[in-house]
Amino acid sequence: MKATIIFLLVAQVSWAGPFQQKGLFDFMLEDEASGIGPEEHFPEVPEIEPMGPVCPFRCQCHLRVVQCSDL
C-alpha cells in the first residue's frame, strides 16, 4: 500500500511540466517584440530658469539658508 502511494506521488510529480513564471515585465517584452508602438516624437522644449530665487511658501530664503515656519 505504501509503495502504491509513493508511486502515485512520484508519477504525479513527473507529469508536471517545468515552472515558467509570467510576470508583467515578460508581457512588456513580448509587446516590444511585435514592433507596434507609438512613433510620436515631440520637440524638446528648453527649461525656463526662474528670474529670481525661488523660495517655498512661508519661508525666508537667504544665500545658503532656507528658514521655514509652520506658524
Protein backbone atom coordinates (compact mmCIF):
# COMPACT_ATOMS: atom_id res chain seq x y z
CA MET A 1 0.00 0.00 0.00
CA LYS A 2 2.83 2.39 0.89
CA ALA A 3 4.60 1.57 -2.36
CA THR A 4 1.45 2.42 -4.35
CA ILE A 5 1.06 5.81 -2.65
CA ILE A 6 4.73 6.63 -3.18
CA PHE A 7 4.49 5.55 -6.83
CA LEU A 8 1.42 7.76 -7.38
CA LEU A 9 3.14 10.76 -5.77
CA VAL A 10 6.26 10.28 -7.92
CA ALA A 11 4.14 9.78 -11.03
CA GLN A 12 2.17 12.95 -10.32
CA VAL A 13 5.38 14.98 -9.98
CA SER A 14 6.81 13.56 -13.20
CA TRP A 15 3.65 14.51 -15.16
CA ALA A 16 4.00 18.16 -14.19
CA GLY A 17 5.78 20.42 -16.67
CA PRO A 18 8.56 22.84 -15.81
CA PHE A 19 7.66 26.01 -13.94
CA GLN A 20 7.56 29.14 -16.10
CA GLN A 21 6.79 32.38 -14.33
CA LYS A 22 4.98 35.02 -16.35
CA GLY A 23 5.16 38.50 -14.93
CA LEU A 24 4.34 41.98 -16.10
CA PHE A 25 7.87 42.52 -17.39
CA ASP A 26 7.66 39.40 -19.57
CA PHE A 27 4.44 40.63 -21.16
CA MET A 28 6.02 44.02 -21.80
CA LEU A 29 8.94 42.35 -23.58
CA GLU A 30 6.55 40.36 -25.75
CA ASP A 31 4.78 43.59 -26.69
CA GLU A 32 8.05 45.23 -27.71
CA ALA A 33 8.94 42.35 -29.98
CA SER A 34 5.89 42.98 -32.15
CA GLY A 35 7.31 46.30 -33.33
CA ILE A 36 3.98 48.05 -32.95
CA GLY A 37 4.11 51.11 -30.79
CA PRO A 38 3.67 54.85 -30.68
CA GLU A 39 6.03 56.66 -33.02
CA GLU A 40 5.28 60.18 -31.79
CA HIS A 41 8.27 62.47 -31.41
CA PHE A 42 7.75 65.74 -29.60
CA PRO A 43 10.21 68.60 -29.99
CA GLU A 44 12.32 69.25 -26.93
CA VAL A 45 11.29 72.35 -25.03
CA PRO A 46 14.13 74.08 -23.18
CA GLU A 47 13.54 74.53 -19.48
CA ILE A 48 12.98 78.12 -18.44
CA GLU A 49 15.05 79.17 -15.45
CA PRO A 50 13.26 81.45 -12.95
CA MET A 51 14.43 85.07 -12.97
CA GLY A 52 14.94 85.35 -9.21
CA PRO A 53 15.41 83.00 -6.29
CA VAL A 54 12.54 80.60 -5.66
CA CYS A 55 11.55 80.35 -2.03
CA PRO A 56 8.89 77.92 -0.71
CA PHE A 57 5.67 79.33 0.73
CA ARG A 58 6.03 80.72 4.29
CA CYS A 59 9.83 80.50 4.16
CA GLN A 60 12.64 83.02 4.23
CA CYS A 61 15.49 82.33 1.85
CA HIS A 62 18.98 83.72 2.31
CA LEU A 63 22.20 82.99 0.46
CA ARG A 64 22.63 79.41 1.72
CA VAL A 65 19.89 79.15 4.36
CA VAL A 66 16.19 78.43 3.99
CA GLN A 67 14.23 79.14 7.16
CA CYS A 68 10.64 77.88 7.26
CA SER A 69 7.96 78.30 9.90
CA ASP A 70 4.76 76.35 10.44
CA LEU A 71 3.00 79.18 12.30
